[in-house]
Amino acid sequence: MRRGTRGAVLAAAAAAVAALLLGVGHERHFVFDAPGMQEVARAAVAEGAGDAAKTVGATLRLMRARYPGWVEDEPQWMFNNAGGAMGAMLVLHCSLSEYVIIFGTPIGTEGHTGRFAITDDYFTILHGEQWAYEAGGLEKEIYRPGDQHHLPRGVAKGYKMPDGGCWALEYARGNIPAMLPFGFADGLSSTLDLPTIVATVKASAVSMFRNTLKGKI
């Protein structure tokens, strides 16, 4: 195992153990909220008027205004491969109990959402559509700009961002390190894209460290 990959695995394992020991994921740890995410997204959608770049830019500005001090100042775009799907993301916030990213693709993708026993995930559409289904679902769920797709704890779905592309504001709350194995599995076993793995670990770890210094678990 190469040094960068080994470091990513060790960092993920250490964070997971720390989070479990601290009992991360209780209401008192949260600074963000799902209704607030949807309000930001809907305002950005209205401001962007169908233009993906303008909508994403408005989302960043509105997030900083609504949650001052908790959104990264200069997030960097990076690839993200998880559950068989590929997209690009901006890490806006990462702590032991919450993460906020902008995720999407201009060309479409599909895969598995992941199944997270101790984390809720809220996927609020900024541009385009997301389709989803549960096992046994004979009709697809459709989420459009301003809609919020809640993936409750313990639930998994198949999802697709159609070929026209889709961008979303994603918010997870609970025990974030417990999600890391899903987040890194494709990179470590399939794409072997070490620069992306390193960039993801760096962005997440730096944000997590900054927020820990502020007293944010």
N, C-alpha and C. Protein backbone atom coordinates (compact mmCIF):
# COMPACT_ATOMS: atom_id res chain seq x y z
N MET A 1 0.85 -1.20 0.00
CA MET A 1 0.00 0.00 0.00
C MET A 1 0.88 1.24 0.00
N ARG A 2 0.64 2.16 -0.92
CA ARG A 2 1.46 3.36 -1.01
C ARG A 2 1.24 4.26 0.19
N ARG A 3 2.21 5.15 0.44
CA ARG A 3 2.18 5.99 1.63
C ARG A 3 0.94 6.87 1.69
N GLY A 4 0.55 7.50 0.56
CA GLY A 4 -0.63 8.36 0.55
C GLY A 4 -1.90 7.59 0.87
N THR A 5 -2.03 6.39 0.29
CA THR A 5 -3.20 5.55 0.55
C THR A 5 -3.23 5.11 2.00
N ARG A 6 -2.06 4.69 2.52
CA ARG A 6 -1.98 4.25 3.92
C ARG A 6 -2.37 5.39 4.85
N GLY A 7 -1.91 6.60 4.53
CA GLY A 7 -2.25 7.75 5.36
C GLY A 7 -3.73 8.03 5.36
N ALA A 8 -4.37 7.89 4.20
CA ALA A 8 -5.81 8.13 4.10
C ALA A 8 -6.58 7.13 4.96
N VAL A 9 -6.17 5.87 4.87
CA VAL A 9 -6.84 4.82 5.65
C VAL A 9 -6.67 5.06 7.14
N LEU A 10 -5.44 5.39 7.55
CA LEU A 10 -5.18 5.62 8.97
C LEU A 10 -5.93 6.84 9.49
N ALA A 11 -5.98 7.90 8.68
CA ALA A 11 -6.71 9.11 9.09
C ALA A 11 -8.19 8.82 9.26
N ALA A 12 -8.75 8.06 8.32
CA ALA A 12 -10.17 7.72 8.39
C ALA A 12 -10.46 6.86 9.62
N ALA A 13 -9.58 5.89 9.87
CA ALA A 13 -9.78 5.00 11.01
C ALA A 13 -9.67 5.77 12.32
N ALA A 14 -8.69 6.67 12.42
CA ALA A 14 -8.52 7.45 13.65
C ALA A 14 -9.72 8.34 13.91
N ALA A 15 -10.22 8.97 12.84
CA ALA A 15 -11.39 9.85 12.99
C ALA A 15 -12.62 9.06 13.41
N ALA A 16 -12.78 7.87 12.84
CA ALA A 16 -13.94 7.04 13.19
C ALA A 16 -13.89 6.62 14.65
N VAL A 17 -12.72 6.22 15.10
CA VAL A 17 -12.58 5.80 16.50
C VAL A 17 -12.83 6.98 17.44
N ALA A 18 -12.26 8.14 17.10
CA ALA A 18 -12.46 9.33 17.95
C ALA A 18 -13.93 9.70 18.03
N ALA A 19 -14.61 9.65 16.88
CA ALA A 19 -16.02 10.02 16.85
C ALA A 19 -16.86 9.06 17.69
N LEU A 20 -16.56 7.78 17.59
CA LEU A 20 -17.32 6.80 18.35
C LEU A 20 -17.10 6.98 19.85
N LEU A 21 -15.85 7.28 20.22
CA LEU A 21 -15.54 7.47 21.64
C LEU A 21 -16.20 8.73 22.19
N LEU A 22 -16.33 9.74 21.34
CA LEU A 22 -16.93 11.00 21.78
C LEU A 22 -18.46 10.98 21.74
N GLY A 23 -19.02 9.93 21.17
CA GLY A 23 -20.48 9.86 21.06
C GLY A 23 -21.02 10.92 20.13
N VAL A 24 -20.34 11.12 19.00
CA VAL A 24 -20.70 12.18 18.07
C VAL A 24 -22.04 11.91 17.40
N GLY A 25 -22.79 12.97 17.15
CA GLY A 25 -24.02 12.85 16.39
C GLY A 25 -25.26 13.23 17.16
N HIS A 26 -25.11 13.96 18.26
CA HIS A 26 -26.26 14.39 19.05
C HIS A 26 -26.66 15.81 18.65
N GLU A 27 -27.89 16.16 18.92
CA GLU A 27 -28.44 17.45 18.50
C GLU A 27 -27.58 18.62 18.96
N ARG A 28 -26.98 18.52 20.13
CA ARG A 28 -26.20 19.63 20.66
C ARG A 28 -24.94 19.91 19.84
N HIS A 29 -24.55 18.97 18.96
CA HIS A 29 -23.34 19.15 18.17
C HIS A 29 -23.58 19.91 16.86
N PHE A 30 -24.83 20.12 16.48
CA PHE A 30 -25.14 20.63 15.14
C PHE A 30 -25.22 22.15 15.10
N VAL A 31 -24.68 22.74 14.02
CA VAL A 31 -24.85 24.17 13.77
C VAL A 31 -25.67 24.42 12.51
N PHE A 32 -25.77 23.41 11.65
CA PHE A 32 -26.57 23.52 10.43
C PHE A 32 -27.92 22.84 10.64
N ASP A 33 -28.83 23.03 9.70
CA ASP A 33 -30.14 22.40 9.80
C ASP A 33 -30.70 22.19 8.41
N ALA A 34 -31.47 21.12 8.25
CA ALA A 34 -32.02 20.77 6.94
C ALA A 34 -32.96 21.84 6.38
N PRO A 35 -33.88 22.40 7.18
CA PRO A 35 -34.74 23.46 6.63
C PRO A 35 -33.94 24.67 6.14
N GLY A 36 -32.88 25.01 6.87
CA GLY A 36 -32.04 26.12 6.43
C GLY A 36 -31.37 25.83 5.10
N MET A 37 -30.93 24.58 4.90
CA MET A 37 -30.33 24.20 3.63
C MET A 37 -31.32 24.39 2.48
N GLN A 38 -32.55 23.98 2.72
CA GLN A 38 -33.55 24.10 1.66
C GLN A 38 -33.88 25.56 1.37
N GLU A 39 -33.93 26.38 2.39
CA GLU A 39 -34.18 27.81 2.18
C GLU A 39 -33.06 28.44 1.36
N VAL A 40 -31.81 28.10 1.69
CA VAL A 40 -30.68 28.61 0.92
C VAL A 40 -30.77 28.15 -0.52
N ALA A 41 -31.03 26.86 -0.71
CA ALA A 41 -31.09 26.31 -2.06
C ALA A 41 -32.18 26.97 -2.88
N ARG A 42 -33.35 27.14 -2.31
CA ARG A 42 -34.45 27.75 -3.06
C ARG A 42 -34.15 29.19 -3.44
N ALA A 43 -33.51 29.92 -2.53
CA ALA A 43 -33.14 31.30 -2.84
C ALA A 43 -32.08 31.34 -3.94
N ALA A 44 -31.12 30.40 -3.89
CA ALA A 44 -30.07 30.35 -4.92
C ALA A 44 -30.65 29.95 -6.27
N VAL A 45 -31.59 29.02 -6.26
CA VAL A 45 -32.25 28.60 -7.50
C VAL A 45 -32.97 29.78 -8.15
N ALA A 46 -33.67 30.55 -7.33
CA ALA A 46 -34.39 31.72 -7.86
C ALA A 46 -33.40 32.74 -8.42
N GLU A 47 -32.30 32.96 -7.72
CA GLU A 47 -31.31 33.94 -8.17
C GLU A 47 -30.58 33.47 -9.42
N GLY A 48 -30.30 32.16 -9.47
CA GLY A 48 -29.56 31.62 -10.61
C GLY A 48 -30.37 31.51 -11.88
N ALA A 49 -31.68 31.40 -11.76
CA ALA A 49 -32.59 31.39 -12.92
C ALA A 49 -32.18 30.37 -13.98
N GLY A 50 -31.79 29.17 -13.53
CA GLY A 50 -31.46 28.11 -14.48
C GLY A 50 -30.02 28.03 -14.90
N ASP A 51 -29.20 28.99 -14.48
CA ASP A 51 -27.77 28.99 -14.79
C ASP A 51 -27.03 28.30 -13.65
N ALA A 52 -26.39 27.16 -13.94
CA ALA A 52 -25.75 26.36 -12.90
C ALA A 52 -24.65 27.13 -12.16
N ALA A 53 -23.80 27.84 -12.92
CA ALA A 53 -22.69 28.57 -12.29
C ALA A 53 -23.21 29.67 -11.37
N LYS A 54 -24.21 30.41 -11.82
CA LYS A 54 -24.77 31.47 -10.99
C LYS A 54 -25.45 30.90 -9.74
N THR A 55 -26.11 29.75 -9.91
CA THR A 55 -26.80 29.13 -8.77
C THR A 55 -25.80 28.65 -7.73
N VAL A 56 -24.72 28.02 -8.17
CA VAL A 56 -23.69 27.56 -7.23
C VAL A 56 -23.04 28.75 -6.53
N GLY A 57 -22.73 29.80 -7.29
CA GLY A 57 -22.14 31.00 -6.68
C GLY A 57 -23.06 31.62 -5.65
N ALA A 58 -24.35 31.70 -5.95
CA ALA A 58 -25.32 32.25 -5.00
C ALA A 58 -25.41 31.36 -3.76
N THR A 59 -25.31 30.05 -3.96
CA THR A 59 -25.37 29.12 -2.82
C THR A 59 -24.23 29.37 -1.85
N LEU A 60 -23.04 29.55 -2.37
CA LEU A 60 -21.88 29.81 -1.51
C LEU A 60 -22.08 31.10 -0.72
N ARG A 61 -22.50 32.15 -1.39
CA ARG A 61 -22.69 33.43 -0.71
C ARG A 61 -23.79 33.34 0.35
N LEU A 62 -24.89 32.72 0.03
CA LEU A 62 -26.00 32.61 0.97
C LEU A 62 -25.67 31.71 2.15
N MET A 63 -24.89 30.66 1.91
CA MET A 63 -24.47 29.78 3.01
C MET A 63 -23.60 30.54 4.01
N ARG A 64 -22.67 31.35 3.48
CA ARG A 64 -21.79 32.11 4.38
C ARG A 64 -22.57 33.15 5.17
N ALA A 65 -23.59 33.71 4.54
CA ALA A 65 -24.41 34.70 5.24
C ALA A 65 -25.27 34.06 6.32
N ARG A 66 -25.77 32.87 6.06
CA ARG A 66 -26.67 32.21 7.00
C ARG A 66 -25.92 31.53 8.14
N TYR A 67 -24.73 31.02 7.82
CA TYR A 67 -23.94 30.29 8.83
C TYR A 67 -22.54 30.91 8.93
N PRO A 68 -22.44 32.15 9.38
CA PRO A 68 -21.14 32.83 9.41
C PRO A 68 -20.12 32.10 10.28
N GLY A 69 -18.92 31.96 9.72
CA GLY A 69 -17.83 31.32 10.45
C GLY A 69 -17.77 29.82 10.31
N TRP A 70 -18.76 29.21 9.67
CA TRP A 70 -18.80 27.74 9.59
C TRP A 70 -18.62 27.20 8.17
N VAL A 71 -18.48 28.08 7.19
CA VAL A 71 -18.32 27.66 5.79
C VAL A 71 -16.90 28.03 5.35
N GLU A 72 -16.22 27.10 4.72
CA GLU A 72 -14.84 27.32 4.29
C GLU A 72 -14.74 28.53 3.36
N ASP A 73 -13.67 29.30 3.51
CA ASP A 73 -13.49 30.52 2.74
C ASP A 73 -13.13 30.25 1.28
N GLU A 74 -12.26 29.27 1.05
CA GLU A 74 -11.78 29.01 -0.31
C GLU A 74 -11.81 27.51 -0.62
N PRO A 75 -13.00 26.94 -0.72
CA PRO A 75 -13.09 25.51 -1.06
C PRO A 75 -12.60 25.27 -2.48
N GLN A 76 -12.01 24.10 -2.71
CA GLN A 76 -11.47 23.75 -4.01
C GLN A 76 -12.24 22.58 -4.62
N TRP A 77 -12.50 22.65 -5.91
CA TRP A 77 -13.18 21.56 -6.59
C TRP A 77 -12.29 20.33 -6.65
N MET A 78 -12.90 19.16 -6.47
CA MET A 78 -12.19 17.89 -6.60
C MET A 78 -13.19 16.83 -7.05
N PHE A 79 -12.68 15.75 -7.63
CA PHE A 79 -13.55 14.65 -8.00
C PHE A 79 -14.02 13.91 -6.76
N ASN A 80 -15.12 13.19 -6.92
CA ASN A 80 -15.62 12.32 -5.86
C ASN A 80 -16.21 11.07 -6.50
N ASN A 81 -15.70 9.92 -6.09
CA ASN A 81 -16.21 8.62 -6.55
C ASN A 81 -16.71 7.85 -5.35
N ALA A 82 -17.98 7.49 -5.37
CA ALA A 82 -18.56 6.72 -4.25
C ALA A 82 -19.79 5.99 -4.73
N GLY A 83 -19.91 4.74 -4.34
CA GLY A 83 -21.08 3.95 -4.69
C GLY A 83 -21.25 3.74 -6.18
N GLY A 84 -20.16 3.81 -6.93
CA GLY A 84 -20.22 3.62 -8.37
C GLY A 84 -20.51 4.88 -9.15
N ALA A 85 -20.82 5.97 -8.48
CA ALA A 85 -21.12 7.24 -9.14
C ALA A 85 -19.89 8.14 -9.10
N MET A 86 -19.78 9.02 -10.09
CA MET A 86 -18.68 9.97 -10.14
C MET A 86 -19.22 11.38 -10.33
N GLY A 87 -18.66 12.31 -9.57
CA GLY A 87 -19.03 13.70 -9.72
C GLY A 87 -17.89 14.57 -9.24
N ALA A 88 -18.17 15.85 -9.07
CA ALA A 88 -17.20 16.79 -8.51
C ALA A 88 -17.83 17.44 -7.29
N MET A 89 -17.00 17.86 -6.35
CA MET A 89 -17.55 18.43 -5.13
C MET A 89 -16.69 19.56 -4.60
N LEU A 90 -17.36 20.42 -3.83
CA LEU A 90 -16.72 21.45 -3.00
C LEU A 90 -17.04 21.12 -1.55
N VAL A 91 -16.02 21.02 -0.71
CA VAL A 91 -16.25 20.78 0.72
C VAL A 91 -16.43 22.14 1.40
N LEU A 92 -17.66 22.43 1.83
CA LEU A 92 -17.96 23.70 2.48
C LEU A 92 -17.76 23.64 3.99
N HIS A 93 -17.96 22.46 4.57
CA HIS A 93 -17.80 22.29 6.01
C HIS A 93 -17.61 20.81 6.30
N CYS A 94 -16.71 20.53 7.22
CA CYS A 94 -16.56 19.15 7.69
C CYS A 94 -16.19 19.18 9.17
N SER A 95 -16.95 18.47 9.95
CA SER A 95 -16.65 18.28 11.37
C SER A 95 -17.03 16.85 11.71
N LEU A 96 -16.82 16.46 12.96
CA LEU A 96 -17.12 15.08 13.33
C LEU A 96 -18.61 14.76 13.26
N SER A 97 -19.45 15.79 13.34
CA SER A 97 -20.90 15.54 13.37
C SER A 97 -21.67 16.06 12.17
N GLU A 98 -21.01 16.83 11.28
CA GLU A 98 -21.71 17.39 10.12
C GLU A 98 -20.76 17.56 8.94
N TYR A 99 -21.29 17.39 7.75
CA TYR A 99 -20.57 17.89 6.58
C TYR A 99 -21.55 18.53 5.62
N VAL A 100 -21.04 19.51 4.87
CA VAL A 100 -21.82 20.20 3.85
C VAL A 100 -20.95 20.28 2.60
N ILE A 101 -21.48 19.82 1.49
CA ILE A 101 -20.75 19.90 0.23
C ILE A 101 -21.70 20.34 -0.88
N ILE A 102 -21.12 20.84 -1.96
CA ILE A 102 -21.85 20.97 -3.21
C ILE A 102 -21.33 19.84 -4.10
N PHE A 103 -22.24 19.03 -4.61
CA PHE A 103 -21.85 17.85 -5.38
C PHE A 103 -22.68 17.79 -6.66
N GLY A 104 -22.05 17.33 -7.72
CA GLY A 104 -22.81 17.14 -8.94
C GLY A 104 -21.94 16.81 -10.13
N THR A 105 -22.56 16.87 -11.30
CA THR A 105 -21.88 16.56 -12.55
C THR A 105 -22.64 17.24 -13.69
N PRO A 106 -21.93 17.72 -14.71
CA PRO A 106 -22.62 18.30 -15.86
C PRO A 106 -23.03 17.26 -16.90
N ILE A 107 -22.60 15.98 -16.73
CA ILE A 107 -22.85 14.98 -17.77
C ILE A 107 -23.66 13.78 -17.29
N GLY A 108 -24.04 13.77 -16.02
CA GLY A 108 -24.85 12.67 -15.50
C GLY A 108 -24.03 11.54 -14.88
N THR A 109 -24.64 10.84 -13.94
CA THR A 109 -24.00 9.69 -13.30
C THR A 109 -25.07 8.92 -12.54
N GLU A 110 -24.75 7.72 -12.08
CA GLU A 110 -25.68 6.98 -11.25
C GLU A 110 -24.92 6.00 -10.37
N GLY A 111 -25.57 5.60 -9.26
CA GLY A 111 -24.92 4.67 -8.36
C GLY A 111 -25.76 4.40 -7.12
N HIS A 112 -25.08 3.99 -6.08
CA HIS A 112 -25.67 3.61 -4.79
C HIS A 112 -25.48 4.76 -3.81
N THR A 113 -26.53 5.10 -3.07
CA THR A 113 -26.42 6.22 -2.13
C THR A 113 -25.50 5.93 -0.95
N GLY A 114 -25.31 4.65 -0.64
CA GLY A 114 -24.72 4.27 0.63
C GLY A 114 -25.83 4.04 1.64
N ARG A 115 -25.52 3.24 2.65
CA ARG A 115 -26.46 2.98 3.73
C ARG A 115 -25.76 3.33 5.04
N PHE A 116 -26.25 4.36 5.73
CA PHE A 116 -25.56 4.90 6.88
C PHE A 116 -26.41 4.72 8.14
N ALA A 117 -25.93 3.89 9.04
CA ALA A 117 -26.73 3.51 10.20
C ALA A 117 -26.91 4.64 11.20
N ILE A 118 -25.95 5.57 11.24
CA ILE A 118 -26.00 6.60 12.28
C ILE A 118 -25.83 8.01 11.71
N THR A 119 -26.28 8.18 10.46
CA THR A 119 -26.18 9.49 9.80
C THR A 119 -27.40 9.71 8.91
N ASP A 120 -27.97 10.92 8.96
CA ASP A 120 -29.01 11.34 8.02
C ASP A 120 -28.37 12.18 6.92
N ASP A 121 -28.87 12.03 5.70
CA ASP A 121 -28.33 12.78 4.58
C ASP A 121 -29.46 13.55 3.89
N TYR A 122 -29.21 14.83 3.61
CA TYR A 122 -30.19 15.70 2.96
C TYR A 122 -29.58 16.24 1.67
N PHE A 123 -30.21 15.94 0.55
CA PHE A 123 -29.68 16.26 -0.77
C PHE A 123 -30.65 17.24 -1.43
N THR A 124 -30.30 18.53 -1.45
CA THR A 124 -31.20 19.57 -1.94
C THR A 124 -30.75 20.01 -3.32
N ILE A 125 -31.63 19.87 -4.29
CA ILE A 125 -31.27 20.10 -5.69
C ILE A 125 -31.14 21.59 -6.00
N LEU A 126 -30.03 21.93 -6.65
CA LEU A 126 -29.77 23.30 -7.08
C LEU A 126 -30.02 23.48 -8.58
N HIS A 127 -29.72 22.45 -9.35
CA HIS A 127 -29.82 22.54 -10.81
C HIS A 127 -30.03 21.14 -11.36
N GLY A 128 -30.93 20.99 -12.31
CA GLY A 128 -31.18 19.69 -12.90
C GLY A 128 -32.11 18.84 -12.04
N GLU A 129 -32.00 17.52 -12.18
CA GLU A 129 -32.84 16.59 -11.45
C GLU A 129 -32.02 15.44 -10.87
N GLN A 130 -32.53 14.86 -9.80
CA GLN A 130 -32.03 13.60 -9.28
C GLN A 130 -33.19 12.61 -9.27
N TRP A 131 -32.94 11.38 -9.72
CA TRP A 131 -33.92 10.32 -9.67
C TRP A 131 -33.46 9.28 -8.65
N ALA A 132 -34.39 8.64 -7.98
CA ALA A 132 -34.02 7.65 -6.97
C ALA A 132 -35.10 6.58 -6.85
N TYR A 133 -34.72 5.46 -6.26
CA TYR A 133 -35.68 4.39 -5.98
C TYR A 133 -35.14 3.50 -4.87
N GLU A 134 -36.04 2.91 -4.11
CA GLU A 134 -35.69 1.89 -3.13
C GLU A 134 -35.93 0.52 -3.74
N ALA A 135 -35.34 -0.50 -3.18
CA ALA A 135 -35.59 -1.86 -3.64
C ALA A 135 -37.09 -2.14 -3.58
N GLY A 136 -37.66 -2.55 -4.70
CA GLY A 136 -39.10 -2.77 -4.77
C GLY A 136 -39.87 -1.58 -5.29
N GLY A 137 -39.21 -0.44 -5.41
CA GLY A 137 -39.88 0.73 -5.95
C GLY A 137 -40.03 0.61 -7.46
N LEU A 138 -41.25 0.59 -7.94
CA LEU A 138 -41.51 0.38 -9.36
C LEU A 138 -41.61 1.69 -10.14
N GLU A 139 -41.68 2.80 -9.44
CA GLU A 139 -41.69 4.11 -10.07
C GLU A 139 -40.57 4.96 -9.46
N LYS A 140 -39.89 5.72 -10.30
CA LYS A 140 -38.78 6.52 -9.78
C LYS A 140 -39.28 7.73 -9.02
N GLU A 141 -38.53 8.10 -7.99
CA GLU A 141 -38.74 9.37 -7.29
C GLU A 141 -38.00 10.44 -8.10
N ILE A 142 -38.60 11.61 -8.22
CA ILE A 142 -37.97 12.69 -8.98
C ILE A 142 -37.82 13.92 -8.09
N TYR A 143 -36.60 14.43 -8.02
CA TYR A 143 -36.31 15.61 -7.21
C TYR A 143 -35.79 16.71 -8.14
N ARG A 144 -36.45 17.87 -8.07
CA ARG A 144 -36.16 19.00 -8.96
C ARG A 144 -35.59 20.17 -8.15
N PRO A 145 -35.12 21.23 -8.81
CA PRO A 145 -34.53 22.37 -8.09
C PRO A 145 -35.41 22.87 -6.95
N GLY A 146 -34.79 22.95 -5.77
CA GLY A 146 -35.50 23.37 -4.56
C GLY A 146 -36.04 22.22 -3.74
N ASP A 147 -36.15 21.02 -4.34
CA ASP A 147 -36.62 19.85 -3.60
C ASP A 147 -35.50 19.30 -2.72
N GLN A 148 -35.88 18.73 -1.61
CA GLN A 148 -34.89 18.14 -0.69
C GLN A 148 -35.16 16.64 -0.55
N HIS A 149 -34.17 15.85 -0.88
CA HIS A 149 -34.25 14.39 -0.80
C HIS A 149 -33.59 13.94 0.51
N HIS A 150 -34.40 13.46 1.45
CA HIS A 150 -33.89 13.00 2.73
C HIS A 150 -33.64 11.51 2.68
N LEU A 151 -32.41 11.11 2.96
CA LEU A 151 -32.06 9.70 3.10
C LEU A 151 -31.92 9.40 4.59
N PRO A 152 -32.94 8.78 5.20
CA PRO A 152 -32.89 8.53 6.64
C PRO A 152 -31.82 7.49 7.00
N ARG A 153 -31.49 7.46 8.28
CA ARG A 153 -30.53 6.49 8.77
C ARG A 153 -30.99 5.07 8.45
N GLY A 154 -30.06 4.26 7.96
CA GLY A 154 -30.36 2.86 7.68
C GLY A 154 -31.01 2.59 6.34
N VAL A 155 -31.29 3.63 5.55
CA VAL A 155 -31.96 3.47 4.26
C VAL A 155 -30.94 3.62 3.14
N ALA A 156 -31.08 2.81 2.10
CA ALA A 156 -30.24 2.92 0.91
C ALA A 156 -31.12 2.98 -0.32
N LYS A 157 -30.65 3.67 -1.34
CA LYS A 157 -31.37 3.78 -2.60
C LYS A 157 -30.40 3.74 -3.77
N GLY A 158 -30.95 3.44 -4.93
CA GLY A 158 -30.23 3.69 -6.16
C GLY A 158 -30.58 5.09 -6.61
N TYR A 159 -29.63 5.80 -7.22
CA TYR A 159 -29.95 7.15 -7.68
C TYR A 159 -29.27 7.43 -9.01
N LYS A 160 -29.82 8.40 -9.70
CA LYS A 160 -29.26 8.81 -10.99
C LYS A 160 -29.39 10.31 -11.14
N MET A 161 -28.34 10.92 -11.65
CA MET A 161 -28.39 12.30 -12.13
C MET A 161 -28.42 12.18 -13.65
N PRO A 162 -29.51 12.55 -14.29
CA PRO A 162 -29.64 12.34 -15.74
C PRO A 162 -28.56 13.06 -16.54
N ASP A 163 -28.49 12.73 -17.83
CA ASP A 163 -27.40 13.21 -18.69
C ASP A 163 -27.30 14.72 -18.78
N GLY A 164 -28.39 15.43 -18.55
CA GLY A 164 -28.33 16.88 -18.60
C GLY A 164 -27.55 17.50 -17.46
N GLY A 165 -27.22 16.69 -16.46
CA GLY A 165 -26.44 17.17 -15.33
C GLY A 165 -27.29 17.57 -14.15
N CYS A 166 -26.67 17.61 -12.99
CA CYS A 166 -27.36 17.96 -11.75
C CYS A 166 -26.33 18.44 -10.74
N TRP A 167 -26.71 19.47 -9.97
CA TRP A 167 -25.88 19.96 -8.88
C TRP A 167 -26.75 20.08 -7.63
N ALA A 168 -26.18 19.78 -6.48
CA ALA A 168 -26.97 19.75 -5.26
C ALA A 168 -26.15 20.22 -4.07
N LEU A 169 -26.86 20.73 -3.07
CA LEU A 169 -26.28 21.09 -1.78
C LEU A 169 -26.56 19.91 -0.86
N GLU A 170 -25.51 19.21 -0.46
CA GLU A 170 -25.68 18.01 0.34
C GLU A 170 -25.25 18.27 1.78
N TYR A 171 -26.09 17.83 2.70
CA TYR A 171 -25.84 18.03 4.13
C TYR A 171 -26.03 16.71 4.85
N ALA A 172 -25.01 16.28 5.58
CA ALA A 172 -25.09 15.07 6.38
C ALA A 172 -24.90 15.43 7.84
N ARG A 173 -25.69 14.80 8.72
CA ARG A 173 -25.56 15.04 10.16
C ARG A 173 -25.65 13.71 10.90
N GLY A 174 -24.77 13.58 11.86
CA GLY A 174 -24.69 12.33 12.62
C GLY A 174 -23.22 12.05 12.91
N ASN A 175 -22.82 10.80 12.76
CA ASN A 175 -21.43 10.41 12.97
C ASN A 175 -20.73 10.38 11.62
N ILE A 176 -20.10 11.49 11.26
CA ILE A 176 -19.53 11.63 9.92
C ILE A 176 -18.38 10.66 9.65
N PRO A 177 -17.45 10.43 10.59
CA PRO A 177 -16.39 9.47 10.29
C PRO A 177 -16.89 8.07 9.95
N ALA A 178 -18.07 7.71 10.44
CA ALA A 178 -18.62 6.39 10.12
C ALA A 178 -18.99 6.29 8.64
N MET A 179 -19.08 7.44 7.93
CA MET A 179 -19.38 7.43 6.50
C MET A 179 -18.12 7.28 5.65
N LEU A 180 -16.95 7.44 6.25
CA LEU A 180 -15.72 7.49 5.47
C LEU A 180 -15.41 6.22 4.68
N PRO A 181 -15.65 5.02 5.21
CA PRO A 181 -15.36 3.83 4.39
C PRO A 181 -16.08 3.84 3.05
N PHE A 182 -17.35 4.25 3.05
CA PHE A 182 -18.09 4.36 1.79
C PHE A 182 -17.47 5.42 0.88
N GLY A 183 -17.08 6.53 1.48
CA GLY A 183 -16.53 7.62 0.70
C GLY A 183 -15.20 7.33 0.03
N PHE A 184 -14.41 6.44 0.64
CA PHE A 184 -13.08 6.16 0.10
C PHE A 184 -12.99 4.82 -0.63
N ALA A 185 -14.00 3.97 -0.52
CA ALA A 185 -13.90 2.61 -1.06
C ALA A 185 -13.61 2.59 -2.56
N ASP A 186 -14.32 3.41 -3.34
CA ASP A 186 -14.11 3.40 -4.79
C ASP A 186 -12.71 3.88 -5.15
N GLY A 187 -12.24 4.90 -4.46
CA GLY A 187 -10.92 5.43 -4.75
C GLY A 187 -9.81 4.45 -4.44
N LEU A 188 -10.00 3.69 -3.37
CA LEU A 188 -8.97 2.75 -2.94
C LEU A 188 -9.02 1.42 -3.68
N SER A 189 -10.19 1.07 -4.22
CA SER A 189 -10.33 -0.25 -4.84
C SER A 189 -10.56 -0.22 -6.34
N SER A 190 -10.94 0.96 -6.88
CA SER A 190 -11.30 1.01 -8.29
C SER A 190 -10.53 2.08 -9.05
N THR A 191 -10.79 3.35 -8.76
CA THR A 191 -10.15 4.41 -9.55
C THR A 191 -8.66 4.53 -9.26
N LEU A 192 -8.26 4.26 -8.02
CA LEU A 192 -6.86 4.41 -7.59
C LEU A 192 -6.32 5.80 -7.92
N ASP A 193 -7.20 6.78 -7.81
CA ASP A 193 -6.86 8.17 -8.11
C ASP A 193 -6.29 8.80 -6.84
N LEU A 194 -5.02 8.58 -6.60
CA LEU A 194 -4.41 9.02 -5.35
C LEU A 194 -4.43 10.53 -5.15
N PRO A 195 -4.21 11.35 -6.20
CA PRO A 195 -4.31 12.80 -5.97
C PRO A 195 -5.68 13.22 -5.45
N THR A 196 -6.75 12.59 -5.95
CA THR A 196 -8.09 12.92 -5.46
C THR A 196 -8.28 12.44 -4.03
N ILE A 197 -7.78 11.25 -3.71
CA ILE A 197 -7.88 10.75 -2.34
C ILE A 197 -7.17 11.70 -1.39
N VAL A 198 -5.96 12.11 -1.76
CA VAL A 198 -5.19 13.01 -0.91
C VAL A 198 -5.90 14.36 -0.77
N ALA A 199 -6.43 14.89 -1.88
CA ALA A 199 -7.14 16.18 -1.82
C ALA A 199 -8.37 16.09 -0.94
N THR A 200 -9.08 14.96 -1.00
CA THR A 200 -10.28 14.77 -0.18
C THR A 200 -9.93 14.70 1.30
N VAL A 201 -8.89 13.91 1.61
CA VAL A 201 -8.45 13.80 3.00
C VAL A 201 -7.99 15.15 3.53
N LYS A 202 -7.22 15.87 2.71
CA LYS A 202 -6.71 17.17 3.14
C LYS A 202 -7.85 18.15 3.41
N ALA A 203 -8.78 18.28 2.46
CA ALA A 203 -9.88 19.23 2.62
C ALA A 203 -10.73 18.88 3.84
N SER A 204 -11.03 17.61 4.01
CA SER A 204 -11.87 17.18 5.13
C SER A 204 -11.15 17.35 6.46
N ALA A 205 -9.86 16.94 6.49
CA ALA A 205 -9.11 17.00 7.74
C ALA A 205 -8.86 18.44 8.17
N VAL A 206 -8.51 19.31 7.21
CA VAL A 206 -8.25 20.72 7.55
C VAL A 206 -9.51 21.37 8.08
N SER A 207 -10.64 21.14 7.40
CA SER A 207 -11.90 21.72 7.86
C SER A 207 -12.28 21.17 9.23
N MET A 208 -12.10 19.87 9.42
CA MET A 208 -12.44 19.25 10.69
C MET A 208 -11.57 19.80 11.82
N PHE A 209 -10.28 19.99 11.53
CA PHE A 209 -9.36 20.52 12.54
C PHE A 209 -9.72 21.95 12.91
N ARG A 210 -10.00 22.79 11.91
CA ARG A 210 -10.39 24.18 12.17
C ARG A 210 -11.63 24.24 13.04
N ASN A 211 -12.60 23.41 12.71
CA ASN A 211 -13.86 23.44 13.46
C ASN A 211 -13.70 22.89 14.87
N THR A 212 -12.81 21.91 15.02
CA THR A 212 -12.53 21.39 16.37
C THR A 212 -11.91 22.47 17.24
N LEU A 213 -11.02 23.28 16.66
CA LEU A 213 -10.40 24.37 17.40
C LEU A 213 -11.43 25.40 17.85
N LYS A 214 -12.53 25.50 17.12
CA LYS A 214 -13.61 26.42 17.49
C LYS A 214 -14.54 25.80 18.53
N GLY A 215 -14.26 24.55 18.89
CA GLY A 215 -15.12 23.86 19.85
C GLY A 215 -16.27 23.12 19.21
N LYS A 216 -16.21 22.99 17.87
CA LYS A 216 -17.28 22.33 17.15
C LYS A 216 -16.96 20.85 16.97
N ILE A 217 -17.72 19.99 17.59
CA ILE A 217 -17.58 18.56 17.36
C ILE A 217 -18.41 18.18 16.14
